[in-house]
Amino acid sequence: VVTWGRQDCGGDSSTVRHRLRNVRQIEATSTSFAAILEDGSVVTWGWTGGDSFKVQHELRSVQQISSTKSAFAAILADQSVVTW
């Protein structure tokens, strides 16, 4: 994954670049990104919505991610939903 643009809008992924391998999907808000990896885990970066720390332990077996202007929702394999 290669990113560019304003750092405060997710354009700088240097802090997570080492984790952005085997990416299956990328979803964005207006200021952040979320990438689903092949193993179903999620890597996030950017400003609003880019910090998934509080729910990171729940982001396993992620099938799909959707976003609004400033938030994300992930659908898991068991059909449950995690938001941040």
Protein backbone atom coordinates (compact mmCIF):
# COMPACT_ATOMS: atom_id res chain seq x y z
CA VAL A 1 0.00 0.00 0.00
CA VAL A 2 1.30 3.43 -0.94
CA THR A 3 -0.26 6.55 0.56
CA TRP A 4 0.33 10.25 0.02
CA GLY A 5 -1.29 13.55 0.85
CA ARG A 6 -1.88 15.50 4.02
CA GLN A 7 -0.62 13.75 7.12
CA ASP A 8 -3.62 14.87 9.18
CA CYS A 9 -5.93 13.25 6.61
CA GLY A 10 -4.34 9.79 6.57
CA GLY A 11 -1.90 10.56 3.77
CA ASP A 12 1.04 9.35 5.86
CA SER A 13 0.91 5.63 6.65
CA SER A 14 4.56 5.37 7.74
CA THR A 15 3.66 4.32 11.31
CA VAL A 16 1.75 1.25 10.06
CA ARG A 17 3.46 0.61 6.70
CA HIS A 18 5.18 -2.51 8.04
CA ARG A 19 1.72 -4.01 8.79
CA LEU A 20 0.18 -3.21 5.39
CA ARG A 21 0.85 -6.56 3.71
CA ASN A 22 -1.70 -8.92 2.15
CA VAL A 23 -4.34 -6.18 2.10
CA ARG A 24 -7.75 -7.34 0.88
CA GLN A 25 -9.74 -4.07 1.10
CA ILE A 26 -9.25 -0.42 2.06
CA GLU A 27 -12.03 1.87 3.26
CA ALA A 28 -11.70 5.58 4.07
CA THR A 29 -13.34 8.35 6.03
CA SER A 30 -12.53 11.96 5.19
CA THR A 31 -9.41 11.80 7.40
CA SER A 32 -8.44 8.15 7.96
CA PHE A 33 -8.13 4.69 6.45
CA ALA A 34 -8.88 1.12 7.50
CA ALA A 35 -7.38 -1.88 5.71
CA ILE A 36 -8.65 -5.45 6.03
CA LEU A 37 -5.82 -7.95 5.80
CA GLU A 38 -6.11 -11.46 4.35
CA ASP A 39 -6.18 -12.93 7.87
CA GLY A 40 -9.28 -10.84 8.72
CA SER A 41 -7.48 -8.38 11.00
CA VAL A 42 -7.65 -4.60 10.48
CA VAL A 43 -4.98 -1.89 10.33
CA THR A 44 -6.07 1.74 10.76
CA TRP A 45 -4.31 5.08 10.43
CA GLY A 46 -5.14 8.75 10.14
CA TRP A 47 -7.10 11.21 12.23
CA THR A 48 -10.82 10.82 13.10
CA GLY A 49 -11.63 7.09 13.02
CA GLY A 50 -8.02 6.11 12.46
CA ASP A 51 -7.55 5.05 16.07
CA SER A 52 -9.10 1.61 16.52
CA PHE A 53 -7.11 0.86 19.70
CA LYS A 54 -10.18 0.44 21.93
CA VAL A 55 -11.75 -2.18 19.63
CA GLN A 56 -8.64 -3.72 18.05
CA HIS A 57 -9.08 -6.93 20.07
CA GLU A 58 -12.56 -7.32 18.49
CA LEU A 59 -11.40 -6.80 14.91
CA ARG A 60 -10.87 -10.45 13.97
CA SER A 61 -12.43 -12.32 11.06
CA VAL A 62 -13.54 -9.02 9.52
CA GLN A 63 -15.46 -9.57 6.29
CA GLN A 64 -16.30 -6.00 5.29
CA ILE A 65 -15.82 -2.40 6.44
CA SER A 66 -18.03 0.59 5.74
CA SER A 67 -17.43 4.18 6.70
CA THR A 68 -19.10 7.52 7.22
CA LYS A 69 -17.35 10.88 7.24
CA SER A 70 -15.77 10.15 10.62
CA ALA A 71 -16.44 6.55 11.72
CA PHE A 72 -16.06 2.92 10.66
CA ALA A 73 -18.21 -0.20 11.03
CA ALA A 74 -16.86 -3.71 10.50
CA ILE A 75 -18.95 -6.81 9.82
CA LEU A 76 -17.38 -9.92 11.33
CA ALA A 77 -17.66 -13.52 10.11
CA ASP A 78 -20.28 -14.25 12.79
CA GLN A 79 -22.41 -11.38 11.39
CA SER A 80 -21.78 -9.16 14.43
CA VAL A 81 -20.73 -5.53 13.97
CA VAL A 82 -17.91 -3.53 15.57
CA THR A 83 -17.85 0.28 15.29
CA TRP A 84 -15.23 2.90 16.03
